[in-house]
């Protein structure tokens, strides 16, 4: 039995939140761009984009921590790796929102499962 890491569970929850945010990001950014063009608000698009990109980069950091902690505790790192790739995809450009969402959903499955890695001595495992 592998010790379940809370950081993996919380990162999986954060990845689900990012999936929802990445889904609505296009609508929000386009909506604020149209209102900026109409002169209703100045700079709202920049603020919205910074928020979504900031959430993506927070996801990169959390998933990187998961990779490190999973490696240290003998848990498969697949979830953290996929989460990092998905967050980086969106962090570079919102055009990659769909692939990022798919990667984050798959990442959540692996982060919630937390199976033991093969070919490793797990100090937390019962034998």
Protein backbone atom coordinates (compact mmCIF):
# COMPACT_ATOMS: atom_id res chain seq x y z
CA UNK A 1 0.00 0.00 0.00
CA UNK A 2 1.33 3.37 -1.00
CA UNK A 3 1.08 6.37 1.25
CA UNK A 4 -1.30 8.86 -0.40
CA UNK A 5 0.20 12.32 -0.72
CA UNK A 6 -2.10 15.25 0.01
CA UNK A 7 -0.16 17.47 -2.41
CA UNK A 8 -1.16 15.15 -5.26
CA UNK A 9 -4.83 15.24 -4.26
CA UNK A 10 -4.89 19.04 -3.92
CA UNK A 11 -3.02 19.48 -7.19
CA UNK A 12 -5.56 17.24 -8.93
CA UNK A 13 -8.35 19.45 -7.56
CA UNK A 14 -6.45 22.55 -8.73
CA UNK A 15 -6.08 20.95 -12.18
CA UNK A 16 -9.86 20.45 -12.34
CA UNK A 17 -10.35 24.12 -11.47
CA UNK A 18 -7.87 25.05 -14.20
CA UNK A 19 -9.82 22.91 -16.70
CA UNK A 20 -12.91 24.99 -15.98
CA UNK A 21 -10.94 28.24 -16.15
CA UNK A 22 -9.25 27.28 -19.42
CA UNK A 23 -12.66 26.41 -20.88
CA UNK A 24 -14.13 29.82 -20.08
CA UNK A 25 -10.92 31.74 -20.82
CA UNK A 26 -11.60 32.19 -24.52
CA UNK A 27 -15.08 33.56 -23.86
CA UNK A 28 -13.82 35.95 -21.19
CA UNK A 29 -10.83 37.16 -23.21
CA UNK A 30 -12.89 37.66 -26.37
CA UNK A 31 -15.64 39.39 -24.39
CA UNK A 32 -13.22 41.80 -22.77
CA UNK A 33 -11.48 42.40 -26.11
CA UNK A 34 -14.79 43.45 -27.66
CA UNK A 35 -15.58 45.73 -24.73
CA UNK A 36 -12.07 47.22 -24.95
CA UNK A 37 -12.61 47.85 -28.68
CA UNK A 38 -15.95 49.52 -27.97
CA UNK A 39 -14.27 51.80 -25.46
CA UNK A 40 -16.28 50.53 -22.46
CA UNK A 41 -13.26 49.58 -20.39
CA UNK A 42 -9.58 50.15 -20.90
CA UNK A 43 -7.16 47.27 -20.37
CA UNK A 44 -9.67 44.66 -19.21
CA UNK A 45 -8.32 42.15 -21.72
CA UNK A 46 -4.84 42.41 -20.25
CA UNK A 47 -6.12 41.81 -16.73
CA UNK A 48 -8.16 38.79 -17.78
CA UNK A 49 -5.26 37.29 -19.72
CA UNK A 50 -2.85 37.82 -16.83
CA UNK A 51 -5.25 36.02 -14.47
CA UNK A 52 -5.63 32.96 -16.72
CA UNK A 53 -1.93 32.76 -17.55
CA UNK A 54 -1.08 33.21 -13.87
CA UNK A 55 -3.30 30.27 -12.94
CA UNK A 56 -1.57 28.18 -15.61
CA UNK A 57 1.88 28.95 -14.21
CA UNK A 58 0.74 28.24 -10.65
CA UNK A 59 -0.36 24.86 -12.04
CA UNK A 60 3.12 24.32 -13.49
CA UNK A 61 4.70 24.92 -10.08
CA UNK A 62 2.22 22.67 -8.22
CA UNK A 63 2.61 19.85 -10.72
CA UNK A 64 6.41 20.15 -10.56
CA UNK A 65 6.20 19.80 -6.77
CA UNK A 66 4.03 16.70 -7.29
CA UNK A 67 6.65 15.19 -9.58
CA UNK A 68 9.34 15.71 -6.97
CA UNK A 69 7.25 14.42 -4.05
CA UNK A 70 5.99 11.43 -6.04
CA UNK A 71 9.52 10.49 -7.05
CA UNK A 72 10.69 10.85 -3.46
CA UNK A 73 7.86 8.61 -2.15
CA UNK A 74 7.92 5.95 -4.89
CA UNK A 75 4.65 6.99 -6.59
CA UNK A 76 4.18 7.10 -10.35
CA UNK A 77 4.99 10.56 -11.67
CA UNK A 78 2.70 10.33 -14.71
CA UNK A 79 0.01 12.62 -13.27
CA UNK A 80 2.46 15.36 -12.37
CA UNK A 81 4.22 15.16 -15.72
CA UNK A 82 0.97 15.36 -17.71
CA UNK A 83 -0.26 18.19 -15.49
CA UNK A 84 2.96 20.12 -16.01
CA UNK A 85 2.79 19.68 -19.79
CA UNK A 86 -0.87 20.73 -19.85
CA UNK A 87 -0.27 23.80 -17.74
CA UNK A 88 2.79 24.80 -19.80
CA UNK A 89 0.73 24.43 -23.01
CA UNK A 90 -1.79 26.97 -21.79
CA UNK A 91 0.89 29.09 -20.11
CA UNK A 92 2.58 29.71 -23.46
CA UNK A 93 -0.57 30.42 -25.43
CA UNK A 94 -4.31 30.23 -24.90
CA UNK A 95 -4.56 28.73 -28.39
CA UNK A 96 -3.57 25.42 -26.79
CA UNK A 97 -6.46 25.46 -24.34
CA UNK A 98 -8.09 22.28 -25.67
CA UNK A 99 -4.95 20.08 -25.53
CA UNK A 100 -4.21 21.56 -22.09
CA UNK A 101 -7.68 20.63 -20.83
CA UNK A 102 -7.35 17.06 -22.12
CA UNK A 103 -3.91 16.65 -20.52
CA UNK A 104 -5.12 18.07 -17.20
CA UNK A 105 -8.11 15.71 -17.08
CA UNK A 106 -5.89 12.69 -17.69
CA UNK A 107 -3.43 14.09 -15.14
CA UNK A 108 -6.19 14.25 -12.52
CA UNK A 109 -6.92 10.55 -12.93
CA UNK A 110 -3.29 9.62 -12.28
CA UNK A 111 -2.89 12.11 -9.43
CA UNK A 112 -5.97 10.74 -7.64
CA UNK A 113 -4.87 7.09 -8.12
CA UNK A 114 -1.31 7.45 -6.77
CA UNK A 115 -0.07 3.97 -7.69
CA UNK A 116 3.36 2.76 -6.68
CA UNK A 117 6.07 3.19 -9.30
CA UNK A 118 7.58 0.04 -10.78
CA UNK A 119 11.19 -0.90 -10.10
CA UNK A 120 11.46 1.22 -7.01
CA UNK A 121 11.79 0.47 -3.35
CA UNK A 122 8.93 2.24 -1.69
CA UNK A 123 9.77 3.00 1.90
CA UNK A 124 6.12 3.72 2.60
CA UNK A 125 4.83 0.40 1.25
CA UNK A 126 3.77 -2.46 3.46
CA UNK A 127 5.44 -5.74 2.53
